[in-house]
N, C-alpha and C. Protein backbone atom coordinates (compact mmCIF):
# COMPACT_ATOMS: atom_id res chain seq x y z
N UNK A 1 -5.17 163.66 104.97
CA UNK A 1 -4.17 163.59 103.71
C UNK A 1 -4.05 163.93 103.22
N UNK A 2 -2.91 164.16 102.55
CA UNK A 2 -2.04 165.26 102.11
C UNK A 2 -2.47 164.86 100.57
N UNK A 3 -1.78 166.38 99.78
CA UNK A 3 -1.81 165.87 97.80
C UNK A 3 -0.27 165.54 97.70
N UNK A 4 -0.12 165.03 96.70
CA UNK A 4 1.28 164.72 96.01
C UNK A 4 0.94 165.40 94.81
N UNK A 5 1.51 166.70 94.16
CA UNK A 5 1.59 167.69 93.13
C UNK A 5 2.74 167.51 92.11
N UNK A 6 2.52 166.89 91.29
CA UNK A 6 4.03 166.88 89.93
C UNK A 6 4.39 168.42 89.19
N UNK A 7 5.31 168.80 89.67
CA UNK A 7 5.07 169.99 88.77
C UNK A 7 6.62 170.03 88.31
N UNK A 8 6.52 170.39 87.02
CA UNK A 8 7.99 170.41 85.99
C UNK A 8 9.01 170.95 86.96
N UNK A 9 10.15 170.62 87.03
CA UNK A 9 11.04 171.85 87.87
C UNK A 9 11.71 172.79 86.83
N UNK A 10 11.52 173.30 85.35
CA UNK A 10 12.19 174.04 84.58
C UNK A 10 11.03 174.62 84.15
N UNK A 11 9.98 173.92 83.67
CA UNK A 11 8.97 174.60 83.36
C UNK A 11 7.59 174.26 83.90
N UNK A 12 7.13 174.88 84.95
CA UNK A 12 6.40 174.80 85.96
C UNK A 12 4.96 175.30 85.34
N UNK A 13 3.92 174.35 85.51
CA UNK A 13 2.60 174.49 84.69
C UNK A 13 1.97 175.64 85.58
N UNK A 14 1.88 176.54 84.92
CA UNK A 14 0.33 177.49 85.47
C UNK A 14 -0.60 177.38 86.37
N UNK A 15 -1.32 176.02 85.58
CA UNK A 15 -2.43 175.68 86.42
C UNK A 15 -2.38 174.91 87.79
N UNK A 16 -1.13 174.29 87.74
CA UNK A 16 -0.56 173.76 89.11
C UNK A 16 -0.02 174.81 90.15
N UNK A 17 0.90 175.90 89.83
CA UNK A 17 1.12 176.40 90.47
C UNK A 17 0.00 177.41 91.13
N UNK A 18 -0.97 177.63 90.31
CA UNK A 18 -2.14 178.30 91.09
C UNK A 18 -2.91 177.82 91.80
N UNK A 19 -3.02 176.25 91.73
CA UNK A 19 -3.73 175.51 92.41
C UNK A 19 -2.75 175.59 93.88
N UNK A 20 -1.70 175.55 93.84
CA UNK A 20 -0.77 175.28 94.78
C UNK A 20 -0.79 176.86 95.83
N UNK A 21 -0.50 177.40 94.95
CA UNK A 21 -0.93 179.32 95.55
C UNK A 21 -2.46 179.22 96.73
N UNK A 22 -3.47 178.68 95.78
CA UNK A 22 -4.65 178.68 96.52
C UNK A 22 -4.99 177.95 97.52
N UNK A 23 -4.22 176.33 97.40
CA UNK A 23 -4.09 175.82 98.49
C UNK A 23 -3.62 176.23 99.98
N UNK A 24 -2.29 176.96 99.47
CA UNK A 24 -1.69 177.29 100.46
C UNK A 24 -2.35 178.83 101.24
N UNK A 25 -3.22 179.95 100.46
CA UNK A 25 -4.04 180.88 101.01
C UNK A 25 -5.07 180.19 101.99
N UNK A 26 -5.67 179.27 101.96
CA UNK A 26 -6.43 178.51 102.72
C UNK A 26 -6.08 177.74 103.77
N UNK A 27 -4.68 177.94 103.71
CA UNK A 27 -4.07 177.34 105.49
C UNK A 27 -3.67 176.44 105.54
N UNK A 28 -2.92 176.26 104.11
CA UNK A 28 -1.92 174.62 104.20
C UNK A 28 -0.85 174.70 104.48
N UNK A 29 -0.50 173.94 104.80
CA UNK A 29 1.04 173.43 105.19
C UNK A 29 1.83 172.50 103.92
N UNK A 30 2.62 173.20 103.38
CA UNK A 30 3.17 172.74 101.98
C UNK A 30 4.95 172.41 101.95
N UNK A 31 5.00 171.43 101.41
CA UNK A 31 6.53 170.94 101.31
C UNK A 31 7.00 171.62 99.91
N UNK A 32 8.26 171.97 99.56
CA UNK A 32 8.44 172.61 98.53
C UNK A 32 9.51 172.66 98.13
N UNK A 33 10.25 172.39 96.93
CA UNK A 33 11.99 172.19 96.78
C UNK A 33 12.26 173.91 96.59
N UNK A 34 13.27 173.98 97.37
CA UNK A 34 14.08 174.90 96.94
C UNK A 34 15.67 174.74 96.09
N UNK A 35 16.76 175.68 95.85
CA UNK A 35 17.50 175.58 95.25
C UNK A 35 18.76 174.82 96.71
N UNK A 36 18.52 174.60 97.74
CA UNK A 36 19.44 173.69 98.42
C UNK A 36 18.38 172.66 98.86
N UNK A 37 17.35 172.61 99.33
CA UNK A 37 16.94 171.19 99.75
C UNK A 37 14.69 171.46 100.01
N UNK A 38 14.15 170.31 100.26
CA UNK A 38 13.03 170.96 100.30
C UNK A 38 12.77 171.49 101.80
N UNK A 39 11.85 172.17 101.44
CA UNK A 39 11.34 172.90 102.93
C UNK A 39 10.13 172.90 103.10
N UNK A 40 9.59 173.34 104.22
CA UNK A 40 8.34 173.17 104.87
C UNK A 40 7.66 174.93 104.98
N UNK A 41 6.25 175.07 104.67
CA UNK A 41 5.95 176.57 104.93
C UNK A 41 4.84 176.58 104.90
N UNK A 42 4.75 178.23 105.07
CA UNK A 42 3.00 178.05 105.08
C UNK A 42 2.80 179.85 104.98
N UNK A 43 1.67 180.11 104.71
CA UNK A 43 0.94 181.53 104.64
C UNK A 43 2.07 181.93 105.70
N UNK A 44 2.58 183.64 105.46
CA UNK A 44 3.09 184.54 106.31
C UNK A 44 1.47 185.24 107.37
N UNK A 45 1.57 184.80 108.82
CA UNK A 45 0.03 185.39 109.34
C UNK A 45 -0.35 184.76 109.69
N UNK A 46 -0.68 183.37 109.19
CA UNK A 46 -1.32 182.34 109.71
C UNK A 46 -1.22 181.33 110.69
N UNK A 47 -1.77 181.47 111.81
CA UNK A 47 -1.09 181.12 113.22
C UNK A 47 -1.33 179.44 113.06
N UNK A 48 -2.59 179.10 112.59
CA UNK A 48 -2.57 177.12 112.73
C UNK A 48 -1.75 176.62 111.93
N UNK A 49 -1.18 177.06 110.71
CA UNK A 49 -0.28 176.12 109.63
C UNK A 49 1.09 176.11 110.73
N UNK A 50 1.25 177.63 110.94
CA UNK A 50 2.47 178.06 112.02
C UNK A 50 3.14 176.78 112.89
N UNK A 51 1.64 176.74 113.73
CA UNK A 51 1.89 175.65 114.44
C UNK A 51 2.34 174.26 114.69
N UNK A 52 1.81 173.96 113.32
CA UNK A 52 1.65 172.52 112.38
C UNK A 52 3.19 172.41 112.23
N UNK A 53 3.80 173.65 111.95
CA UNK A 53 5.36 173.79 111.39
C UNK A 53 5.83 173.14 112.66
N UNK A 54 5.87 174.11 113.62
CA UNK A 54 6.56 173.72 114.56
C UNK A 54 6.39 172.28 115.50
N UNK A 55 5.53 171.83 114.95
CA UNK A 55 5.26 170.61 115.86
C UNK A 55 5.89 169.67 114.66
N UNK A 56 5.84 169.37 113.58
CA UNK A 56 6.39 168.81 112.90
C UNK A 56 7.96 168.68 113.07
N UNK A 57 8.50 169.68 113.00
CA UNK A 57 9.97 169.63 113.16
C UNK A 57 10.24 170.12 114.68
N UNK A 58 9.55 169.88 115.42
CA UNK A 58 9.42 169.87 116.88
C UNK A 58 10.39 171.69 117.35
N UNK A 59 9.69 172.62 116.94
CA UNK A 59 10.72 173.84 117.00
C UNK A 59 10.37 174.59 118.06
N UNK A 60 10.87 175.11 119.09
CA UNK A 60 10.54 175.47 119.87
C UNK A 60 9.61 177.12 119.69
N UNK A 61 9.32 177.91 120.24
CA UNK A 61 8.73 179.41 119.84
C UNK A 61 9.94 180.47 119.86
N UNK A 62 10.66 180.16 120.25
CA UNK A 62 12.09 180.58 120.11
C UNK A 62 12.79 180.62 119.27
N UNK A 63 12.57 179.59 118.55
CA UNK A 63 13.40 179.16 117.16
C UNK A 63 12.68 179.76 115.90
N UNK A 64 13.30 180.96 115.35
CA UNK A 64 12.84 181.43 113.56
C UNK A 64 12.71 180.98 112.71
N UNK A 65 11.78 181.35 112.06
CA UNK A 65 11.47 180.94 110.78
C UNK A 65 12.15 181.58 109.76
N UNK A 66 12.17 181.64 108.57
CA UNK A 66 12.77 182.43 107.45
C UNK A 66 11.56 182.53 107.02
N UNK A 67 11.67 184.33 105.96
CA UNK A 67 10.11 184.57 104.92
C UNK A 67 11.33 184.60 103.73
N UNK A 68 10.65 183.56 102.83
CA UNK A 68 11.31 183.01 101.59
C UNK A 68 10.71 184.26 100.84
N UNK A 69 11.48 185.15 100.13
CA UNK A 69 10.50 185.96 99.22
C UNK A 69 10.80 186.06 97.56
N UNK A 70 10.24 186.90 96.83
CA UNK A 70 10.29 186.52 95.51
C UNK A 70 11.60 187.10 94.98
N UNK A 71 11.62 188.82 95.82
CA UNK A 71 13.06 189.72 95.05
C UNK A 71 13.05 190.55 96.18
N UNK A 72 13.95 191.68 95.69
CA UNK A 72 14.11 192.68 96.82
C UNK A 72 13.24 193.67 97.13
N UNK A 73 13.13 193.87 96.22
CA UNK A 73 11.69 194.73 96.88
C UNK A 73 11.11 194.21 97.78
N UNK A 74 10.62 192.78 97.98
CA UNK A 74 9.64 192.46 98.90
C UNK A 74 10.33 192.16 99.91
N UNK A 75 12.04 191.72 99.91
CA UNK A 75 12.85 192.00 101.17
C UNK A 75 12.61 193.02 101.71
N UNK A 76 12.93 194.70 101.06
CA UNK A 76 12.68 195.59 101.91
C UNK A 76 11.39 196.05 102.41
N UNK A 77 10.13 195.15 101.98
CA UNK A 77 9.31 195.54 103.01
C UNK A 77 8.94 195.31 104.14
N UNK A 78 9.87 193.66 104.21
CA UNK A 78 9.61 193.39 105.81
C UNK A 78 11.15 193.03 106.54
N UNK A 79 12.10 193.91 106.17
CA UNK A 79 13.64 194.29 106.78
C UNK A 79 13.68 195.31 106.32
N UNK A 80 14.75 196.03 107.43
CA UNK A 80 15.28 197.44 106.88
C UNK A 80 17.14 197.20 106.15
N UNK A 81 16.37 197.37 105.27
CA UNK A 81 18.11 197.37 104.14
C UNK A 81 18.54 198.77 103.65
N UNK A 82 19.53 199.01 104.40
CA UNK A 82 20.82 200.03 104.14
C UNK A 82 21.43 200.01 103.00
N UNK A 83 22.24 200.98 102.17
CA UNK A 83 22.46 200.83 100.78
C UNK A 83 23.73 199.84 100.87
N UNK A 84 24.63 199.38 101.69
CA UNK A 84 25.94 198.56 102.25
C UNK A 84 24.77 196.76 102.18
N UNK A 85 23.80 196.93 102.71
CA UNK A 85 22.91 195.48 102.51
C UNK A 85 22.53 195.25 101.14
N UNK A 86 22.16 196.66 100.85
CA UNK A 86 21.31 196.29 99.41
C UNK A 86 22.43 195.79 98.40
N UNK A 87 23.41 196.36 98.56
CA UNK A 87 24.62 195.83 97.47
C UNK A 87 25.33 194.37 97.85
N UNK A 88 25.07 194.00 99.05
CA UNK A 88 24.87 192.60 99.29
C UNK A 88 24.00 191.65 98.48
N UNK A 89 22.89 192.01 98.99
CA UNK A 89 21.63 191.61 98.51
C UNK A 89 21.94 191.21 97.42
N UNK A 90 21.90 192.51 96.38
CA UNK A 90 21.76 192.22 95.01
C UNK A 90 22.99 191.45 94.24
N UNK A 91 23.93 191.14 94.93
CA UNK A 91 25.29 190.37 94.58
C UNK A 91 24.68 189.03 94.53
N UNK A 92 24.05 189.06 95.72
CA UNK A 92 24.07 187.14 96.12
C UNK A 92 22.46 186.41 96.52
N UNK A 93 21.80 187.43 95.46
CA UNK A 93 20.16 187.01 95.19
C UNK A 93 20.01 186.80 93.85
N UNK A 94 18.91 185.77 93.43
CA UNK A 94 18.74 184.52 94.10
C UNK A 94 19.89 183.45 94.67
N UNK A 95 20.06 183.32 95.50
CA UNK A 95 21.15 181.87 95.70
C UNK A 95 21.02 181.19 97.08
N UNK A 96 22.02 180.21 97.66
CA UNK A 96 21.66 179.85 98.40
C UNK A 96 22.31 180.68 99.79
N UNK A 97 21.46 181.26 99.88
CA UNK A 97 21.96 182.16 101.42
C UNK A 97 20.95 182.91 102.36
N UNK A 98 20.78 182.60 103.71
CA UNK A 98 19.65 183.44 104.68
C UNK A 98 20.38 184.62 105.19
N UNK A 99 19.79 186.06 104.93
CA UNK A 99 20.42 187.03 105.25
C UNK A 99 19.61 187.66 106.60
N UNK A 100 20.25 187.44 107.98
CA UNK A 100 19.62 188.12 108.78
C UNK A 100 19.86 189.65 108.89
N UNK A 101 18.38 190.28 108.68
CA UNK A 101 18.65 191.80 109.11
C UNK A 101 17.07 192.16 110.02
N UNK A 102 17.36 193.56 110.23
CA UNK A 102 16.37 194.05 111.35
C UNK A 102 15.02 193.98 110.71
N UNK A 103 14.05 193.71 111.42
CA UNK A 103 12.37 193.57 111.00
C UNK A 103 11.76 195.04 110.97
N UNK A 104 11.02 195.08 110.01
CA UNK A 104 10.18 196.11 109.43
C UNK A 104 8.95 195.62 110.56
N UNK A 105 8.10 196.53 110.68
CA UNK A 105 6.89 196.16 111.31
C UNK A 105 5.39 195.82 110.69
N UNK A 106 6.21 195.34 109.30
CA UNK A 106 5.15 194.09 108.61
C UNK A 106 5.51 192.84 109.08
N UNK A 107 6.39 192.80 109.91
CA UNK A 107 6.77 191.43 110.38
C UNK A 107 6.21 190.84 111.80
N UNK A 108 5.19 189.92 112.02
CA UNK A 108 4.30 190.02 113.20
C UNK A 108 5.53 189.54 113.99
N UNK A 109 5.31 189.99 115.35
CA UNK A 109 6.33 190.20 116.42
C UNK A 109 6.56 188.85 117.04
N UNK A 110 5.98 187.86 116.98
CA UNK A 110 6.02 186.36 117.63
C UNK A 110 6.80 185.88 116.49
N UNK A 111 7.36 186.46 115.22
CA UNK A 111 8.04 185.72 114.48
C UNK A 111 9.28 186.16 114.20
N UNK A 112 10.05 187.37 115.44
CA UNK A 112 11.15 188.00 115.53
C UNK A 112 12.14 187.36 116.41
N UNK A 113 13.27 187.62 116.35
CA UNK A 113 14.08 186.90 117.42
C UNK A 113 14.15 188.02 118.82
N UNK A 114 13.95 187.10 119.89
CA UNK A 114 13.17 187.90 120.88
C UNK A 114 14.10 189.52 121.55
N UNK A 115 15.31 189.09 121.78
CA UNK A 115 16.28 190.09 121.83
C UNK A 115 16.79 191.49 120.51
N UNK A 116 16.78 190.77 119.71
CA UNK A 116 17.64 191.90 118.60
C UNK A 116 16.08 191.84 117.33
N UNK A 117 15.32 191.54 117.43
CA UNK A 117 14.15 192.15 116.80
C UNK A 117 14.81 191.83 115.34
N UNK A 118 15.02 190.69 115.20
CA UNK A 118 15.78 190.44 113.37
C UNK A 118 14.66 189.34 112.79
N UNK A 119 15.12 189.00 111.61
CA UNK A 119 14.42 188.33 110.91
C UNK A 119 15.39 187.61 109.73
N UNK A 120 15.11 186.32 109.56
CA UNK A 120 15.52 185.74 108.23
C UNK A 120 15.31 185.85 107.15
N UNK A 121 15.73 186.16 106.10
CA UNK A 121 15.15 186.35 104.19
C UNK A 121 15.76 185.87 103.85
N UNK A 122 15.25 185.09 102.70
CA UNK A 122 16.19 184.92 101.60
C UNK A 122 15.15 184.43 100.45
N UNK A 123 15.98 184.46 99.00
CA UNK A 123 15.31 184.61 97.69
C UNK A 123 15.74 183.33 97.20
N UNK A 124 14.92 182.20 97.09
CA UNK A 124 15.77 180.62 96.28
C UNK A 124 15.61 181.03 95.11
N UNK A 125 16.70 180.55 94.64
CA UNK A 125 17.26 180.28 92.74
C UNK A 125 16.64 179.54 92.25
N UNK A 126 15.45 178.98 92.73
CA UNK A 126 14.69 177.76 92.14
C UNK A 126 13.28 178.03 91.24
N UNK A 127 13.21 177.55 90.19
CA UNK A 127 12.00 178.23 89.36
C UNK A 127 10.97 177.86 90.13
N UNK A 128 10.67 176.33 90.47
CA UNK A 128 8.75 176.43 91.31
C UNK A 128 9.21 177.13 92.51
N UNK A 129 9.69 177.66 93.43
CA UNK A 129 9.71 178.38 94.42
C UNK A 129 9.30 179.78 93.78
N UNK A 130 10.31 180.00 92.93
CA UNK A 130 9.67 181.68 92.44
C UNK A 130 8.21 181.53 91.51
N UNK A 131 7.87 180.89 90.75
CA UNK A 131 6.59 180.92 90.37
C UNK A 131 5.74 180.91 91.31
N UNK A 132 5.82 180.01 92.15
CA UNK A 132 4.73 180.25 93.68
C UNK A 132 4.87 181.37 94.14
N UNK A 133 5.86 182.09 94.72
CA UNK A 133 6.15 183.28 95.23
C UNK A 133 5.35 184.56 94.57
N UNK A 134 5.48 184.20 93.10
CA UNK A 134 4.75 185.29 92.26
C UNK A 134 3.46 184.99 91.82
N UNK A 135 2.98 183.95 92.30
CA UNK A 135 1.91 183.80 91.99
C UNK A 135 0.92 184.25 93.65
N UNK A 136 1.59 183.74 94.46
CA UNK A 136 0.74 184.43 95.81
C UNK A 136 1.24 185.91 96.08
N UNK A 137 2.00 186.02 95.84
CA UNK A 137 2.76 187.59 95.90
C UNK A 137 2.47 188.36 97.38
N UNK A 138 3.66 187.58 97.77
CA UNK A 138 3.49 187.53 98.95
C UNK A 138 4.68 186.45 99.36
N UNK A 139 6.02 186.75 101.03
CA UNK A 139 6.57 185.41 101.30
C UNK A 139 5.69 184.44 101.56
N UNK A 140 6.49 183.44 101.66
CA UNK A 140 6.47 182.21 102.54
C UNK A 140 7.02 182.38 103.96
N UNK A 141 6.18 181.99 104.93
CA UNK A 141 7.03 181.43 105.99
C UNK A 141 7.56 180.24 106.00
N UNK A 142 8.85 179.78 106.46
CA UNK A 142 9.18 178.52 105.71
C UNK A 142 10.39 178.16 106.83
N UNK A 143 10.81 176.83 106.82
CA UNK A 143 11.76 176.15 107.30
C UNK A 143 12.47 175.13 106.64
N UNK A 144 13.52 174.98 106.53
CA UNK A 144 13.76 173.40 105.94
C UNK A 144 13.54 172.17 106.52
N UNK A 145 13.04 171.14 105.87
CA UNK A 145 12.01 169.98 105.87
C UNK A 145 13.58 168.94 106.78
N UNK A 146 13.88 168.94 107.96
CA UNK A 146 14.72 168.83 108.91
C UNK A 146 13.72 167.88 110.27
N UNK A 147 13.25 166.05 110.03
CA UNK A 147 12.77 166.13 110.74
C UNK A 147 13.52 165.99 112.07
N UNK A 148 12.65 165.45 113.14
CA UNK A 148 13.62 165.15 114.38
C UNK A 148 13.92 164.05 114.38
N UNK A 149 15.31 164.20 114.50
CA UNK A 149 16.38 162.75 114.77
C UNK A 149 17.42 163.19 113.56
N UNK A 150 16.63 163.60 112.47
CA UNK A 150 17.67 163.80 111.42
C UNK A 150 18.75 164.53 111.41
N UNK A 151 19.58 164.67 110.78
CA UNK A 151 20.59 165.39 110.70
C UNK A 151 20.13 166.52 109.40
N UNK A 152 20.02 165.53 108.20
CA UNK A 152 20.08 166.56 106.74
C UNK A 152 18.34 166.31 106.63
N UNK A 153 17.93 167.33 105.64
CA UNK A 153 16.98 167.36 104.97
C UNK A 153 16.43 166.22 104.00
N UNK A 154 14.95 165.89 103.86
CA UNK A 154 14.63 165.03 103.20
C UNK A 154 14.68 165.35 101.69
N UNK A 155 15.09 164.34 101.09
CA UNK A 155 15.42 164.88 99.28
C UNK A 155 14.51 164.18 98.20
N UNK A 156 13.66 163.14 99.03
CA UNK A 156 13.22 162.62 97.84
C UNK A 156 11.33 162.71 98.21
N UNK A 157 10.79 163.44 97.12
CA UNK A 157 9.34 163.82 97.74
C UNK A 157 8.51 162.98 97.71
N UNK A 158 8.64 161.89 97.30
CA UNK A 158 7.64 160.55 97.31
C UNK A 158 8.10 160.08 98.92
N UNK A 159 9.36 159.95 99.51
CA UNK A 159 9.42 159.89 100.61
C UNK A 159 8.71 160.57 101.39
N UNK A 160 8.76 162.29 101.14
CA UNK A 160 8.14 163.04 102.33
C UNK A 160 6.92 162.80 102.26
N UNK A 161 6.33 162.55 101.08
CA UNK A 161 4.74 162.28 101.08
C UNK A 161 3.98 160.98 102.24
N UNK A 162 5.11 160.04 102.05
CA UNK A 162 4.46 158.53 102.64
C UNK A 162 5.11 158.83 104.14
N UNK A 163 5.88 160.01 104.67
CA UNK A 163 6.16 159.88 105.60
C UNK A 163 5.53 161.01 106.70
N UNK A 164 5.02 162.16 105.36
CA UNK A 164 4.32 163.28 106.32
C UNK A 164 2.87 163.39 105.86
N UNK A 165 2.23 162.53 105.08
CA UNK A 165 0.60 162.60 104.17
C UNK A 165 -0.17 163.12 104.91
N UNK A 166 -0.38 162.51 106.70
CA UNK A 166 -1.40 162.76 107.59
C UNK A 166 -0.96 163.98 108.61
N UNK A 167 0.43 164.64 108.48
CA UNK A 167 0.66 165.94 108.96
C UNK A 167 0.65 167.12 108.19
N UNK A 168 0.67 167.11 107.09
CA UNK A 168 0.39 168.65 106.28
C UNK A 168 -0.69 167.99 104.93
N UNK A 169 -0.35 169.67 104.12
CA UNK A 169 -1.49 169.22 103.10
C UNK A 169 -1.04 169.13 101.73
N UNK A 170 -0.15 169.44 101.50
CA UNK A 170 0.85 169.27 99.88
C UNK A 170 1.94 169.00 100.28
N UNK A 171 2.16 168.39 99.32
CA UNK A 171 4.05 167.71 98.74
C UNK A 171 3.95 168.43 97.45
N UNK A 172 5.03 169.34 96.54
CA UNK A 172 5.01 169.75 95.81
C UNK A 172 6.44 168.95 95.13
N UNK A 173 6.32 167.87 94.27
CA UNK A 173 7.56 167.03 93.64
C UNK A 173 8.11 167.82 92.72
N UNK A 174 9.28 168.40 93.10
CA UNK A 174 9.54 168.93 91.85
C UNK A 174 11.33 168.42 91.26
N UNK A 175 11.13 167.06 91.80
CA UNK A 175 12.24 166.24 91.44
C UNK A 175 13.42 166.00 92.68
N UNK A 176 14.18 165.39 92.75
CA UNK A 176 15.01 165.39 93.94
C UNK A 176 15.47 166.60 94.08
N UNK A 177 16.10 166.74 95.55
CA UNK A 177 16.69 168.02 95.98
C UNK A 177 18.11 167.69 96.82
N UNK A 178 18.63 168.34 96.98
CA UNK A 178 20.05 168.68 97.46
C UNK A 178 19.72 168.39 99.06
N UNK A 179 20.72 167.87 99.78
CA UNK A 179 20.61 167.69 101.07
C UNK A 179 21.92 169.39 102.35
N UNK A 180 22.00 170.37 101.31
CA UNK A 180 22.73 171.40 101.83
C UNK A 180 21.42 172.34 102.43
N UNK A 181 21.97 172.82 103.28
CA UNK A 181 21.11 174.33 104.15
C UNK A 181 21.96 175.46 103.38
N UNK A 182 21.37 176.44 103.68
CA UNK A 182 21.91 177.71 103.14
C UNK A 182 22.79 178.11 103.98
N UNK A 183 23.60 179.18 103.38
CA UNK A 183 24.66 179.66 104.30
C UNK A 183 23.74 180.59 105.07
N UNK A 184 24.31 180.97 106.25
CA UNK A 184 23.35 182.34 106.76
C UNK A 184 24.59 183.35 107.43
N UNK A 185 24.15 184.68 106.78
CA UNK A 185 24.86 185.83 107.25
C UNK A 185 24.02 186.81 107.40
N UNK A 186 24.71 187.35 108.81
CA UNK A 186 23.91 188.46 109.06
C UNK A 186 24.51 189.98 108.69
N UNK A 187 23.58 190.90 108.38
CA UNK A 187 24.00 192.22 108.13
C UNK A 187 23.36 193.39 108.60
N UNK A 188 23.13 192.90 110.23
CA UNK A 188 22.42 193.86 111.30
C UNK A 188 23.33 194.72 112.03
N UNK A 189 23.06 196.02 111.56
CA UNK A 189 23.75 197.23 112.19
C UNK A 189 24.97 197.47 111.27
N UNK A 190 25.30 196.93 110.26
CA UNK A 190 26.27 197.64 109.44
C UNK A 190 27.52 196.35 109.29
N UNK A 191 27.11 195.29 110.41
CA UNK A 191 28.50 194.71 110.24
C UNK A 191 28.01 193.47 109.77
N UNK A 192 28.74 192.61 108.88
CA UNK A 192 28.94 191.42 108.22
C UNK A 192 29.23 190.16 108.80
N UNK A 193 28.45 189.39 108.86
CA UNK A 193 28.90 188.28 109.88
C UNK A 193 28.37 186.72 109.88
N UNK A 194 29.17 185.91 109.30
CA UNK A 194 28.98 184.63 109.16
C UNK A 194 28.61 183.50 109.88
N UNK A 195 27.17 183.53 110.12
CA UNK A 195 26.58 182.81 111.24
C UNK A 195 26.46 181.27 110.92
N UNK A 196 26.49 180.73 109.77
CA UNK A 196 26.40 179.36 109.32
C UNK A 196 26.93 179.19 107.93
N UNK A 197 27.75 178.26 107.68
CA UNK A 197 28.48 178.16 106.32
C UNK A 197 27.94 176.90 105.89
N UNK A 198 27.41 177.17 104.41
CA UNK A 198 26.20 175.90 103.95
C UNK A 198 26.42 176.26 102.57
N UNK A 199 25.47 176.06 101.88
CA UNK A 199 25.77 175.76 100.00
C UNK A 199 26.33 177.09 99.91
N UNK A 200 25.72 178.56 100.03
CA UNK A 200 26.38 179.46 99.36
C UNK A 200 27.65 179.60 99.64
N UNK A 201 28.68 180.41 99.01
CA UNK A 201 29.95 180.55 99.17
C UNK A 201 30.28 181.62 100.18
N UNK A 202 30.98 181.75 101.40
CA UNK A 202 31.12 182.95 102.10
C UNK A 202 32.53 183.20 102.09
N UNK A 203 33.35 182.92 101.31
CA UNK A 203 34.39 183.56 101.73
C UNK A 203 34.53 184.94 101.54
N UNK A 204 34.11 185.30 100.52
CA UNK A 204 33.90 186.83 100.48
C UNK A 204 33.42 187.67 101.57
N UNK A 205 32.91 186.85 102.32
CA UNK A 205 32.42 187.32 103.85
C UNK A 205 33.23 187.29 105.48
N UNK A 206 34.52 186.60 104.68
CA UNK A 206 35.14 186.55 105.91
C UNK A 206 36.10 187.34 106.41
């Protein structure tokens, strides 16, 4: 049985953020709000909750998840960021973008694209997500909460809780979220390429 934790979307209660972070550190699978949609996540490097996420979303081991980071310095720990990529990241984060970059050795090999050794990273523009990342002091390993057979992410935390309360450990209720995905932009090898057009504007990359 999971827990439903209601956190204020604009002024997150520090006690509840600490409670959520402690639960994640104990190996929990958590659903949390972002600036695009609700997402499902776990602690980086924890194999059991990662397997749970893949099972819930029916993802193969070849389908990568995203590292959700607090800031640019955290991204630089897990990805190789040259000057051109840094300027783009600085201009478009936090925001509704997932950037594909070459990974550093800090990223477990099983999380990388098998051929290109890349990883997706993003900094969400959401107060709850930012507070949680700050408390954790490390990225979350995350995926949009799109259930098998669905086209769009779930939007209502109470519906999420009712559907998944026996499969996950914690649902953070931050109010209704949207249904849009992030825009995905590759910055690998100095080339800027839009891989998916989503909520974030991409005209400047085309």
